Amino acid sequence: MTSQRNAFNEITKCDIAAVFRAIRVYVRRTPVIEICGSELGLQKFRLTLKLELMQYAGSFKTRGAMTNLLLREIPPAGVTAASGGNHGAAVAYAAMKLEIPARIFVPLISSPAKIRRIREFGADLVVEGNCYADALSAAEKWAAESGSLSVHAFDQRETLLGQGTLGMEFEQQAPTLNTVLSSVGGGGLVGGIAAWFQGKISVVGVEPEASPTLTKALSAGCPVDCEAGGLAADSLAPRRIGEAVYPIAARYVKKVILVSDDDIRSAQLILWDKLRIVAEPGGAAAFAALLSRKYQPAEGEHVGVVISGGNTVAVDFALQEKKYDQD
């Protein structure tokens, strides 16, 4: 508990602002789009989408990856990371930009689109195990043997600080927000956003029913192992919420909503049909809470939703759309 509390105390708004100044030349200020809930057949409320799928390397993970590589001492052996795909692509991208050697471990469930991006950025790619936990174990072993720096996908102070810059940027772009919906896997994104807002607005976590890491942690009073699967398994399915994330979430995340695979798939298709946004399953999870009406805004509420990643390919999306139509 002491280490958790210390990690929480270190994540301040001043720290996030300082990190933003350090990484801003390496990351995109991703756009927002504002629509009315009635456009989606929902009640009338203001809705602003933060299009973080347009970030370098295709997801918000680039913020945390770049923060790690800029602020931590990098050994000659370079960096090592385990990932379902997006964090690996982000670390590979950051390493390419900073000319640092990188080895990325991903599980068999990682999507071809994410594997291709990691390779395109020039990292050494290793496919290991069936799930993220298997890849993480292999990455930790390699880091210890090689002397490389391990860059954790979510349970690392610098990672949380980097993801917190998204919250800072979102507030600048949409200063009247009442609520922000964020997807939850290991919790780096929702933890960083919550650390930025510190209760000023409602931060709501959204996670798959098939991987309820934060839901089970809050119920148990600490991070615990849980099932890891579902449609968004390559981005939202670690075995447990981060130890450094948990105290932030317990204090500042107002609630957590669970969505089904069908909810997520529907959200992907609505994003495409109405807005021509191609989001991966994990990237659409927060939006799914609105469309499924599992989160129901008050009339006039200004809701922000982070569309967190877009590392998928058109062929995969077309096949999924066809399958959904058949179902």
C-alpha atoms as a PDB file:
ATOM      1  CA  MET A   1       0.000   0.000   0.000  1.00  0.00           C
ATOM      2  CA  THR A   2       2.881   2.377   0.743  1.00  0.00           C
ATOM      3  CA  SER A   3       4.315   2.010  -2.766  1.00  0.00           C
ATOM      4  CA  GLN A   4       0.853   2.558  -4.264  1.00  0.00           C
ATOM      5  CA  ARG A   5       0.310   5.713  -2.221  1.00  0.00           C
ATOM      6  CA  ASN A   6       3.746   7.053  -3.112  1.00  0.00           C
ATOM      7  CA  ALA A   7       3.051   6.440  -6.804  1.00  0.00           C
ATOM      8  CA  PHE A   8      -0.211   8.349  -6.468  1.00  0.00           C
ATOM      9  CA  ASN A   9       1.451  11.271  -4.680  1.00  0.00           C
ATOM     10  CA  GLU A  10       3.946  11.630  -7.506  1.00  0.00           C
ATOM     11  CA  ILE A  11       1.284  12.114 -10.199  1.00  0.00           C
ATOM     12  CA  THR A  12       0.462  15.814  -9.952  1.00  0.00           C
ATOM     13  CA  LYS A  13      -0.952  18.345 -12.378  1.00  0.00           C
ATOM     14  CA  CYS A  14       2.338  20.240 -12.297  1.00  0.00           C
ATOM     15  CA  ASP A  15       4.230  17.075 -13.224  1.00  0.00           C
ATOM     16  CA  ILE A  16       1.832  16.355 -16.101  1.00  0.00           C
ATOM     17  CA  ALA A  17       2.178  19.914 -17.394  1.00  0.00           C
ATOM     18  CA  ALA A  18       5.981  19.615 -17.268  1.00  0.00           C
ATOM     19  CA  VAL A  19       5.846  16.327 -19.181  1.00  0.00           C
ATOM     20  CA  PHE A  20       3.594  17.913 -21.790  1.00  0.00           C
ATOM     21  CA  ARG A  21       6.243  20.571 -22.415  1.00  0.00           C
ATOM     22  CA  ALA A  22       8.890  17.848 -22.778  1.00  0.00           C
ATOM     23  CA  ILE A  23       6.997  15.646 -25.243  1.00  0.00           C
ATOM     24  CA  ARG A  24       4.887  18.108 -27.219  1.00  0.00           C
ATOM     25  CA  VAL A  25       7.262  18.282 -30.188  1.00  0.00           C
ATOM     26  CA  TYR A  26       7.080  14.465 -30.462  1.00  0.00           C
ATOM     27  CA  VAL A  27       3.315  13.948 -30.176  1.00  0.00           C
ATOM     28  CA  ARG A  28       0.310  15.239 -32.074  1.00  0.00           C
ATOM     29  CA  ARG A  29      -2.270  17.535 -30.577  1.00  0.00           C
ATOM     30  CA  THR A  30      -5.058  15.251 -31.722  1.00  0.00           C
ATOM     31  CA  PRO A  31      -8.327  16.818 -32.889  1.00  0.00           C
ATOM     32  CA  VAL A  32     -11.731  16.795 -31.252  1.00  0.00           C
ATOM     33  CA  ILE A  33     -15.138  16.696 -32.912  1.00  0.00           C
ATOM     34  CA  GLU A  34     -18.334  17.879 -31.240  1.00  0.00           C
ATOM     35  CA  ILE A  35     -21.722  16.381 -32.065  1.00  0.00           C
ATOM     36  CA  CYS A  36     -25.133  16.263 -30.427  1.00  0.00           C
ATOM     37  CA  GLY A  37     -26.364  13.074 -28.775  1.00  0.00           C
ATOM     38  CA  SER A  38     -29.535  13.271 -30.859  1.00  0.00           C
ATOM     39  CA  GLU A  39     -27.451  12.591 -33.995  1.00  0.00           C
ATOM     40  CA  LEU A  40     -26.917   9.098 -32.594  1.00  0.00           C
ATOM     41  CA  GLY A  41     -30.516   8.546 -31.561  1.00  0.00           C
ATOM     42  CA  LEU A  42     -29.732   9.399 -27.932  1.00  0.00           C
ATOM     43  CA  GLN A  43     -31.124  12.108 -25.687  1.00  0.00           C
ATOM     44  CA  LYS A  44     -29.962  15.666 -26.214  1.00  0.00           C
ATOM     45  CA  PHE A  45     -26.541  16.351 -24.754  1.00  0.00           C
ATOM     46  CA  ARG A  46     -23.206  17.723 -25.954  1.00  0.00           C
ATOM     47  CA  LEU A  47     -20.691  15.110 -26.997  1.00  0.00           C
ATOM     48  CA  THR A  48     -17.044  15.752 -27.795  1.00  0.00           C
ATOM     49  CA  LEU A  49     -14.882  12.954 -29.143  1.00  0.00           C
ATOM     50  CA  LYS A  50     -11.127  13.128 -28.606  1.00  0.00           C
ATOM     51  CA  LEU A  51      -9.658  11.437 -31.681  1.00  0.00           C
ATOM     52  CA  GLU A  52      -6.531   9.943 -30.194  1.00  0.00           C
ATOM     53  CA  LEU A  53      -6.508   7.258 -32.872  1.00  0.00           C
ATOM     54  CA  MET A  54      -4.879   9.988 -34.992  1.00  0.00           C
ATOM     55  CA  GLN A  55      -1.875  10.050 -32.670  1.00  0.00           C
ATOM     56  CA  TYR A  56       1.523   8.940 -33.978  1.00  0.00           C
ATOM     57  CA  ALA A  57       1.622   5.111 -33.960  1.00  0.00           C
ATOM     58  CA  GLY A  58      -2.173   5.051 -33.915  1.00  0.00           C
ATOM     59  CA  SER A  59      -3.037   5.393 -30.229  1.00  0.00           C
ATOM     60  CA  PHE A  60      -2.673   7.395 -27.013  1.00  0.00           C
ATOM     61  CA  LYS A  61       0.155   5.058 -25.985  1.00  0.00           C
ATOM     62  CA  THR A  62       2.671   7.238 -27.824  1.00  0.00           C
ATOM     63  CA  ARG A  63       2.387   9.838 -25.053  1.00  0.00           C
ATOM     64  CA  GLY A  64       3.488   7.434 -22.329  1.00  0.00           C
ATOM     65  CA  ALA A  65       6.127   5.762 -24.477  1.00  0.00           C
ATOM     66  CA  MET A  66       7.755   9.046 -25.445  1.00  0.00           C
ATOM     67  CA  THR A  67       7.705  10.215 -21.818  1.00  0.00           C
ATOM     68  CA  ASN A  68       9.565   7.081 -20.729  1.00  0.00           C
ATOM     69  CA  LEU A  69      12.231   7.356 -23.403  1.00  0.00           C
ATOM     70  CA  LEU A  70      12.808  11.074 -22.869  1.00  0.00           C
ATOM     71  CA  LEU A  71      12.813  11.182 -19.058  1.00  0.00           C
ATOM     72  CA  ARG A  72      14.487   7.911 -18.076  1.00  0.00           C
ATOM     73  CA  GLU A  73      18.134   6.977 -18.541  1.00  0.00           C
ATOM     74  CA  ILE A  74      18.436   4.633 -21.520  1.00  0.00           C
ATOM     75  CA  PRO A  75      21.179   1.973 -21.322  1.00  0.00           C
ATOM     76  CA  PRO A  76      23.231   0.973 -24.379  1.00  0.00           C
ATOM     77  CA  ALA A  77      21.041  -2.132 -24.776  1.00  0.00           C
ATOM     78  CA  GLY A  78      18.050   0.119 -25.432  1.00  0.00           C
ATOM     79  CA  VAL A  79      14.494  -0.582 -24.334  1.00  0.00           C
ATOM     80  CA  THR A  80      12.186  -3.569 -23.974  1.00  0.00           C
ATOM     81  CA  ALA A  81       8.401  -3.582 -23.820  1.00  0.00           C
ATOM     82  CA  ALA A  82       5.556  -6.085 -23.624  1.00  0.00           C
ATOM     83  CA  SER A  83       2.307  -5.198 -25.307  1.00  0.00           C
ATOM     84  CA  GLY A  84      -0.951  -6.394 -26.767  1.00  0.00           C
ATOM     85  CA  GLY A  85       0.108  -4.236 -29.704  1.00  0.00           C
ATOM     86  CA  ASN A  86      -0.522  -0.515 -29.227  1.00  0.00           C
ATOM     87  CA  HIS A  87       2.092   0.072 -26.523  1.00  0.00           C
ATOM     88  CA  GLY A  88       4.574  -1.924 -28.552  1.00  0.00           C
ATOM     89  CA  ALA A  89       3.917   0.181 -31.630  1.00  0.00           C
ATOM     90  CA  ALA A  90       4.250   3.345 -29.535  1.00  0.00           C
ATOM     91  CA  VAL A  91       7.568   2.280 -27.966  1.00  0.00           C
ATOM     92  CA  ALA A  92       8.858   1.180 -31.374  1.00  0.00           C
ATOM     93  CA  TYR A  93       7.876   4.560 -32.830  1.00  0.00           C
ATOM     94  CA  ALA A  94       9.473   6.518 -29.981  1.00  0.00           C
ATOM     95  CA  ALA A  95      12.637   4.418 -30.215  1.00  0.00           C
ATOM     96  CA  MET A  96      12.823   5.016 -33.955  1.00  0.00           C
ATOM     97  CA  LYS A  97      12.470   8.780 -33.524  1.00  0.00           C
ATOM     98  CA  LEU A  98      15.133   8.879 -30.796  1.00  0.00           C
ATOM     99  CA  GLU A  99      17.404   6.281 -32.485  1.00  0.00           C
ATOM    100  CA  ILE A 100      17.254   3.813 -29.591  1.00  0.00           C
ATOM    101  CA  PRO A 101      17.330   0.000 -29.986  1.00  0.00           C
ATOM    102  CA  ALA A 102      14.002  -1.617 -29.058  1.00  0.00           C
ATOM    103  CA  ARG A 103      12.741  -5.173 -28.599  1.00  0.00           C
ATOM    104  CA  ILE A 104       8.983  -5.634 -28.366  1.00  0.00           C
ATOM    105  CA  PHE A 105       7.222  -8.751 -27.071  1.00  0.00           C
ATOM    106  CA  VAL A 106       3.610  -9.376 -28.128  1.00  0.00           C
ATOM    107  CA  PRO A 107       1.266 -12.356 -27.616  1.00  0.00           C
ATOM    108  CA  LEU A 108      -0.349 -14.444 -30.330  1.00  0.00           C
ATOM    109  CA  ILE A 109      -3.595 -12.464 -29.964  1.00  0.00           C
ATOM    110  CA  SER A 110      -1.952  -9.255 -31.172  1.00  0.00           C
ATOM    111  CA  SER A 111      -3.590  -8.098 -34.392  1.00  0.00           C
ATOM    112  CA  PRO A 112      -1.713  -8.221 -37.718  1.00  0.00           C
ATOM    113  CA  ALA A 113      -2.134  -4.440 -38.055  1.00  0.00           C
ATOM    114  CA  LYS A 114      -0.282  -3.834 -34.782  1.00  0.00           C
ATOM    115  CA  ILE A 115       2.438  -6.362 -35.546  1.00  0.00           C
ATOM    116  CA  ARG A 116       2.997  -4.728 -38.919  1.00  0.00           C
ATOM    117  CA  ARG A 117       3.343  -1.277 -37.357  1.00  0.00           C
ATOM    118  CA  ILE A 118       5.917  -2.501 -34.838  1.00  0.00           C
ATOM    119  CA  ARG A 119       7.993  -3.981 -37.645  1.00  0.00           C
ATOM    120  CA  GLU A 120       7.640  -0.882 -39.806  1.00  0.00           C
ATOM    121  CA  PHE A 121       9.105   1.220 -37.000  1.00  0.00           C
ATOM    122  CA  GLY A 122      12.190  -0.980 -36.982  1.00  0.00           C
ATOM    123  CA  ALA A 123      11.909  -2.722 -33.610  1.00  0.00           C
ATOM    124  CA  ASP A 124      12.969  -6.293 -32.983  1.00  0.00           C
ATOM    125  CA  LEU A 125       9.649  -8.161 -32.630  1.00  0.00           C
ATOM    126  CA  VAL A 126       9.136 -11.334 -30.573  1.00  0.00           C
ATOM    127  CA  VAL A 127       5.775 -13.151 -30.490  1.00  0.00           C
ATOM    128  CA  GLU A 128       5.497 -14.949 -27.150  1.00  0.00           C
ATOM    129  CA  GLY A 129       2.597 -16.730 -25.471  1.00  0.00           C
ATOM    130  CA  ASN A 130      -1.163 -16.577 -25.777  1.00  0.00           C
ATOM    131  CA  CYS A 131      -1.893 -13.404 -23.787  1.00  0.00           C
ATOM    132  CA  TYR A 132      -0.347 -10.143 -22.586  1.00  0.00           C
ATOM    133  CA  ALA A 133       0.812 -11.694 -19.296  1.00  0.00           C
ATOM    134  CA  ASP A 134       2.898 -14.250 -21.216  1.00  0.00           C
ATOM    135  CA  ALA A 135       4.539 -11.539 -23.308  1.00  0.00           C
ATOM    136  CA  LEU A 136       5.207  -9.478 -20.175  1.00  0.00           C
ATOM    137  CA  SER A 137       6.947 -12.383 -18.446  1.00  0.00           C
ATOM    138  CA  ALA A 138       9.185 -12.933 -21.476  1.00  0.00           C
ATOM    139  CA  ALA A 139       9.948  -9.210 -21.750  1.00  0.00           C
ATOM    140  CA  GLU A 140      10.919  -8.944 -18.086  1.00  0.00           C
ATOM    141  CA  LYS A 141      13.242 -11.921 -18.440  1.00  0.00           C
ATOM    142  CA  TRP A 142      14.883 -10.394 -21.519  1.00  0.00           C
ATOM    143  CA  ALA A 143      15.307  -6.992 -19.856  1.00  0.00           C
ATOM    144  CA  ALA A 144      17.054  -8.622 -16.892  1.00  0.00           C
ATOM    145  CA  GLU A 145      19.356 -10.636 -19.152  1.00  0.00           C
ATOM    146  CA  SER A 146      20.162  -7.867 -21.640  1.00  0.00           C
ATOM    147  CA  GLY A 147      20.365  -4.865 -19.344  1.00  0.00           C
ATOM    148  CA  SER A 148      17.791  -3.013 -21.427  1.00  0.00           C
ATOM    149  CA  LEU A 149      15.247  -0.639 -19.895  1.00  0.00           C
ATOM    150  CA  SER A 150      11.785  -2.121 -19.373  1.00  0.00           C
ATOM    151  CA  VAL A 151       8.997   0.258 -20.428  1.00  0.00           C
ATOM    152  CA  HIS A 152       5.744  -0.877 -18.836  1.00  0.00           C
ATOM    153  CA  ALA A 153       2.511  -0.359 -20.746  1.00  0.00           C
ATOM    154  CA  PHE A 154       0.609   1.125 -17.793  1.00  0.00           C
ATOM    155  CA  ASP A 155       2.138   0.447 -14.359  1.00  0.00           C
ATOM    156  CA  GLN A 156       4.918   3.024 -14.519  1.00  0.00           C
ATOM    157  CA  ARG A 157       5.046   6.609 -13.248  1.00  0.00           C
ATOM    158  CA  GLU A 158       6.291   8.035 -16.547  1.00  0.00           C
ATOM    159  CA  THR A 159       3.631   6.148 -18.480  1.00  0.00           C
ATOM    160  CA  LEU A 160       0.885   7.611 -16.289  1.00  0.00           C
ATOM    161  CA  LEU A 161       2.331  11.100 -16.599  1.00  0.00           C
ATOM    162  CA  GLY A 162       2.412  10.811 -20.372  1.00  0.00           C
ATOM    163  CA  GLN A 163      -1.174   9.606 -20.586  1.00  0.00           C
ATOM    164  CA  GLY A 164      -2.160  12.441 -18.256  1.00  0.00           C
ATOM    165  CA  THR A 165      -1.198  14.910 -20.994  1.00  0.00           C
ATOM    166  CA  LEU A 166      -4.241  13.691 -22.929  1.00  0.00           C
ATOM    167  CA  GLY A 167      -6.464  14.890 -20.097  1.00  0.00           C
ATOM    168  CA  MET A 168      -4.697  18.242 -20.043  1.00  0.00           C
ATOM    169  CA  GLU A 169      -5.049  18.659 -23.786  1.00  0.00           C
ATOM    170  CA  PHE A 170      -8.704  17.573 -23.777  1.00  0.00           C
ATOM    171  CA  GLU A 171      -9.547  20.166 -21.136  1.00  0.00           C
ATOM    172  CA  GLN A 172      -7.894  22.884 -23.222  1.00  0.00           C
ATOM    173  CA  GLN A 173      -9.923  21.864 -26.272  1.00  0.00           C
ATOM    174  CA  ALA A 174     -13.243  21.379 -24.454  1.00  0.00           C
ATOM    175  CA  PRO A 175     -13.173  23.467 -21.258  1.00  0.00           C
ATOM    176  CA  THR A 176     -16.868  22.938 -20.423  1.00  0.00           C
ATOM    177  CA  LEU A 177     -16.640  19.158 -20.074  1.00  0.00           C
ATOM    178  CA  ASN A 178     -18.635  17.665 -17.211  1.00  0.00           C
ATOM    179  CA  THR A 179     -17.641  14.031 -17.809  1.00  0.00           C
ATOM    180  CA  VAL A 180     -14.942  12.065 -19.610  1.00  0.00           C
ATOM    181  CA  LEU A 181     -15.408   8.417 -20.591  1.00  0.00           C
ATOM    182  CA  SER A 182     -12.193   6.429 -20.963  1.00  0.00           C
ATOM    183  CA  SER A 183     -11.538   2.801 -21.820  1.00  0.00           C
ATOM    184  CA  VAL A 184      -9.782   0.687 -19.196  1.00  0.00           C
ATOM    185  CA  GLY A 185      -7.290  -2.131 -19.650  1.00  0.00           C
ATOM    186  CA  GLY A 186      -4.342  -1.864 -17.297  1.00  0.00           C
ATOM    187  CA  GLY A 187      -5.549   1.608 -16.389  1.00  0.00           C
ATOM    188  CA  GLY A 188      -2.794   3.865 -17.676  1.00  0.00           C
ATOM    189  CA  LEU A 189      -5.179   6.033 -19.695  1.00  0.00           C
ATOM    190  CA  VAL A 190      -7.967   6.381 -17.151  1.00  0.00           C
ATOM    191  CA  GLY A 191      -5.370   6.818 -14.382  1.00  0.00           C
ATOM    192  CA  GLY A 192      -3.554   9.587 -16.242  1.00  0.00           C
ATOM    193  CA  ILE A 193      -6.798  11.391 -17.093  1.00  0.00           C
ATOM    194  CA  ALA A 194      -8.070  11.080 -13.520  1.00  0.00           C
ATOM    195  CA  ALA A 195      -4.754  12.365 -12.154  1.00  0.00           C
ATOM    196  CA  TRP A 196      -5.094  15.441 -14.334  1.00  0.00           C
ATOM    197  CA  PHE A 197      -8.697  16.324 -13.441  1.00  0.00           C
ATOM    198  CA  GLN A 198      -8.416  15.312  -9.742  1.00  0.00           C
ATOM    199  CA  GLY A 199     -12.169  15.233  -9.216  1.00  0.00           C
ATOM    200  CA  LYS A 200     -12.888  18.509 -11.021  1.00  0.00           C
ATOM    201  CA  ILE A 201     -15.131  16.584 -13.433  1.00  0.00           C
ATOM    202  CA  SER A 202     -16.473  13.018 -13.482  1.00  0.00           C
ATOM    203  CA  VAL A 203     -14.065  10.487 -14.968  1.00  0.00           C
ATOM    204  CA  VAL A 204     -15.832   7.245 -15.902  1.00  0.00           C
ATOM    205  CA  GLY A 205     -13.976   4.073 -16.782  1.00  0.00           C
ATOM    206  CA  VAL A 206     -15.351   1.686 -19.397  1.00  0.00           C
ATOM    207  CA  GLU A 207     -14.062  -1.861 -19.639  1.00  0.00           C
ATOM    208  CA  PRO A 208     -15.085  -5.072 -21.388  1.00  0.00           C
ATOM    209  CA  GLU A 209     -17.206  -7.587 -19.501  1.00  0.00           C
ATOM    210  CA  ALA A 210     -14.615 -10.144 -20.592  1.00  0.00           C
ATOM    211  CA  SER A 211     -11.767  -8.292 -18.823  1.00  0.00           C
ATOM    212  CA  PRO A 212     -13.096  -6.391 -15.767  1.00  0.00           C
ATOM    213  CA  THR A 213      -9.770  -5.457 -14.193  1.00  0.00           C
ATOM    214  CA  LEU A 214     -10.787  -2.216 -12.484  1.00  0.00           C
ATOM    215  CA  THR A 215     -14.262  -3.423 -11.540  1.00  0.00           C
ATOM    216  CA  LYS A 216     -12.827  -6.393  -9.661  1.00  0.00           C
ATOM    217  CA  ALA A 217     -10.045  -4.344  -8.086  1.00  0.00           C
ATOM    218  CA  LEU A 218     -12.483  -1.784  -6.693  1.00  0.00           C
ATOM    219  CA  SER A 219     -14.683  -4.588  -5.370  1.00  0.00           C
ATOM    220  CA  ALA A 220     -11.713  -6.299  -3.685  1.00  0.00           C
ATOM    221  CA  GLY A 221     -10.102  -3.090  -2.449  1.00  0.00           C
ATOM    222  CA  CYS A 222      -6.846  -3.789  -4.307  1.00  0.00           C
ATOM    223  CA  PRO A 223      -5.612  -5.053  -7.691  1.00  0.00           C
ATOM    224  CA  VAL A 224      -6.512  -8.716  -8.220  1.00  0.00           C
ATOM    225  CA  ASP A 225      -6.153 -11.190 -11.060  1.00  0.00           C
ATOM    226  CA  CYS A 226      -9.189 -11.623 -13.282  1.00  0.00           C
ATOM    227  CA  GLU A 227     -10.176 -13.132 -16.614  1.00  0.00           C
ATOM    228  CA  ALA A 228      -8.613 -11.634 -19.742  1.00  0.00           C
ATOM    229  CA  GLY A 229     -10.379 -12.062 -23.062  1.00  0.00           C
ATOM    230  CA  GLY A 230     -13.003 -10.713 -25.422  1.00  0.00           C
ATOM    231  CA  LEU A 231     -13.097  -8.726 -28.645  1.00  0.00           C
ATOM    232  CA  ALA A 232     -10.661  -6.090 -27.335  1.00  0.00           C
ATOM    233  CA  ALA A 233      -8.224  -8.587 -25.807  1.00  0.00           C
ATOM    234  CA  ASP A 234      -5.242  -7.192 -27.728  1.00  0.00           C
ATOM    235  CA  SER A 235      -5.581  -3.812 -26.002  1.00  0.00           C
ATOM    236  CA  LEU A 236      -7.825  -4.107 -22.911  1.00  0.00           C
ATOM    237  CA  ALA A 237      -7.007  -7.462 -21.351  1.00  0.00           C
ATOM    238  CA  PRO A 238      -4.140  -7.563 -18.862  1.00  0.00           C
ATOM    239  CA  ARG A 239      -4.723  -9.847 -15.876  1.00  0.00           C
ATOM    240  CA  ARG A 240      -4.989  -7.012 -13.358  1.00  0.00           C
ATOM    241  CA  ILE A 241      -5.136  -3.251 -12.999  1.00  0.00           C
ATOM    242  CA  GLY A 242      -1.817  -1.511 -12.382  1.00  0.00           C
ATOM    243  CA  GLU A 243      -0.569  -1.182  -8.803  1.00  0.00           C
ATOM    244  CA  ALA A 244       0.312   2.476  -9.415  1.00  0.00           C
ATOM    245  CA  VAL A 245      -3.008   3.054 -11.177  1.00  0.00           C
ATOM    246  CA  TYR A 246      -5.270   1.637  -8.493  1.00  0.00           C
ATOM    247  CA  PRO A 247      -5.014   4.377  -5.809  1.00  0.00           C
ATOM    248  CA  ILE A 248      -5.639   7.066  -8.421  1.00  0.00           C
ATOM    249  CA  ALA A 249      -8.659   5.239  -9.786  1.00  0.00           C
ATOM    250  CA  ALA A 250     -10.022   4.455  -6.325  1.00  0.00           C
ATOM    251  CA  ARG A 251      -9.924   8.141  -5.421  1.00  0.00           C
ATOM    252  CA  TYR A 252     -10.820   9.910  -8.656  1.00  0.00           C
ATOM    253  CA  VAL A 253     -12.676   7.563 -11.029  1.00  0.00           C
ATOM    254  CA  LYS A 254     -16.369   8.129 -10.322  1.00  0.00           C
ATOM    255  CA  LYS A 255     -17.637   4.797 -11.665  1.00  0.00           C
ATOM    256  CA  VAL A 256     -16.765   1.899 -13.951  1.00  0.00           C
ATOM    257  CA  ILE A 257     -19.121   0.594 -16.635  1.00  0.00           C
ATOM    258  CA  LEU A 258     -18.900  -2.844 -18.223  1.00  0.00           C
ATOM    259  CA  VAL A 259     -19.729  -3.269 -21.918  1.00  0.00           C
ATOM    260  CA  SER A 260     -20.194  -6.438 -23.945  1.00  0.00           C
ATOM    261  CA  ASP A 261     -18.379  -7.469 -27.100  1.00  0.00           C
ATOM    262  CA  ASP A 262     -21.587  -6.773 -29.018  1.00  0.00           C
ATOM    263  CA  ASP A 263     -21.699  -3.260 -27.529  1.00  0.00           C
ATOM    264  CA  ILE A 264     -18.123  -2.650 -28.661  1.00  0.00           C
ATOM    265  CA  ARG A 265     -18.710  -4.028 -32.143  1.00  0.00           C
ATOM    266  CA  SER A 266     -21.805  -1.861 -32.534  1.00  0.00           C
ATOM    267  CA  ALA A 267     -19.854   1.208 -31.402  1.00  0.00           C
ATOM    268  CA  GLN A 268     -17.166   0.529 -34.009  1.00  0.00           C
ATOM    269  CA  LEU A 269     -19.754   0.314 -36.752  1.00  0.00           C
ATOM    270  CA  ILE A 270     -21.644   3.443 -35.655  1.00  0.00           C
ATOM    271  CA  LEU A 271     -18.396   5.412 -35.544  1.00  0.00           C
ATOM    272  CA  TRP A 272     -17.764   4.342 -39.117  1.00  0.00           C
ATOM    273  CA  ASP A 273     -21.325   4.754 -40.367  1.00  0.00           C
ATOM    274  CA  LYS A 274     -22.000   8.183 -38.823  1.00  0.00           C
ATOM    275  CA  LEU A 275     -18.545   9.756 -38.657  1.00  0.00           C
ATOM    276  CA  ARG A 276     -16.296   7.691 -40.935  1.00  0.00           C
ATOM    277  CA  ILE A 277     -13.993   6.945 -37.996  1.00  0.00           C
ATOM    278  CA  VAL A 278     -12.299   3.531 -38.099  1.00  0.00           C
ATOM    279  CA  ALA A 279     -11.588   2.610 -34.479  1.00  0.00           C
ATOM    280  CA  GLU A 280     -10.214  -0.671 -33.194  1.00  0.00           C
ATOM    281  CA  PRO A 281     -12.321  -2.505 -30.567  1.00  0.00           C
ATOM    282  CA  GLY A 282     -10.421  -1.098 -27.591  1.00  0.00           C
ATOM    283  CA  GLY A 283     -10.581   2.361 -29.135  1.00  0.00           C
ATOM    284  CA  ALA A 284     -14.368   2.190 -29.371  1.00  0.00           C
ATOM    285  CA  ALA A 285     -15.059   0.729 -25.912  1.00  0.00           C
ATOM    286  CA  ALA A 286     -15.699   4.048 -24.142  1.00  0.00           C
ATOM    287  CA  PHE A 287     -18.089   5.125 -26.907  1.00  0.00           C
ATOM    288  CA  ALA A 288     -19.928   1.819 -26.464  1.00  0.00           C
ATOM    289  CA  ALA A 289     -21.026   2.864 -22.969  1.00  0.00           C
ATOM    290  CA  LEU A 290     -23.029   5.710 -24.499  1.00  0.00           C
ATOM    291  CA  LEU A 291     -24.538   3.819 -27.410  1.00  0.00           C
ATOM    292  CA  SER A 292     -25.594   0.912 -25.198  1.00  0.00           C
ATOM    293  CA  ARG A 293     -27.153   3.455 -22.789  1.00  0.00           C
ATOM    294  CA  LYS A 294     -25.166   1.962 -19.942  1.00  0.00           C
ATOM    295  CA  TYR A 295     -24.023   5.517 -19.375  1.00  0.00           C
ATOM    296  CA  GLN A 296     -26.933   7.950 -19.681  1.00  0.00           C
ATOM    297  CA  PRO A 297     -25.985  11.647 -19.571  1.00  0.00           C
ATOM    298  CA  ALA A 298     -28.269  14.236 -18.072  1.00  0.00           C
ATOM    299  CA  GLU A 299     -29.917  16.620 -20.508  1.00  0.00           C
ATOM    300  CA  GLY A 300     -27.436  19.335 -21.401  1.00  0.00           C
ATOM    301  CA  GLU A 301     -24.462  17.426 -19.956  1.00  0.00           C
ATOM    302  CA  HIS A 302     -21.202  17.875 -21.855  1.00  0.00           C
ATOM    303  CA  VAL A 303     -19.620  14.444 -22.244  1.00  0.00           C
ATOM    304  CA  GLY A 304     -16.143  13.762 -23.584  1.00  0.00           C
ATOM    305  CA  VAL A 305     -15.202  10.360 -24.991  1.00  0.00           C
ATOM    306  CA  VAL A 306     -11.675   9.257 -25.821  1.00  0.00           C
ATOM    307  CA  ILE A 307     -11.460   7.256 -29.051  1.00  0.00           C
ATOM    308  CA  SER A 308      -8.179   5.811 -27.944  1.00  0.00           C
ATOM    309  CA  GLY A 309      -6.833   3.775 -30.863  1.00  0.00           C
ATOM    310  CA  GLY A 310      -7.241   2.934 -34.532  1.00  0.00           C
ATOM    311  CA  ASN A 311      -4.720   0.200 -35.201  1.00  0.00           C
ATOM    312  CA  THR A 312      -6.849  -1.999 -37.388  1.00  0.00           C
ATOM    313  CA  VAL A 313      -6.994  -2.533 -41.138  1.00  0.00           C
ATOM    314  CA  ALA A 314      -9.754  -1.863 -43.625  1.00  0.00           C
ATOM    315  CA  VAL A 315     -10.044  -5.515 -44.634  1.00  0.00           C
ATOM    316  CA  ASP A 316     -10.513  -6.649 -41.028  1.00  0.00           C
ATOM    317  CA  PHE A 317     -13.096  -3.954 -40.459  1.00  0.00           C
ATOM    318  CA  ALA A 318     -15.029  -4.824 -43.626  1.00  0.00           C
ATOM    319  CA  LEU A 319     -15.152  -8.491 -42.653  1.00  0.00           C
ATOM    320  CA  GLN A 320     -16.377  -7.612 -39.178  1.00  0.00           C
ATOM    321  CA  GLU A 321     -19.036  -5.308 -40.632  1.00  0.00           C
ATOM    322  CA  LYS A 322     -20.236  -8.089 -42.931  1.00  0.00           C
ATOM    323  CA  LYS A 323     -20.374 -10.571 -40.040  1.00  0.00           C
ATOM    324  CA  TYR A 324     -22.305  -8.100 -37.888  1.00  0.00           C
ATOM    325  CA  ASP A 325     -24.843  -7.550 -40.674  1.00  0.00           C
ATOM    326  CA  GLN A 326     -25.306 -11.315 -41.006  1.00  0.00           C
ATOM    327  CA  ASP A 327     -25.817 -11.690 -37.266  1.00  0.00           C
END
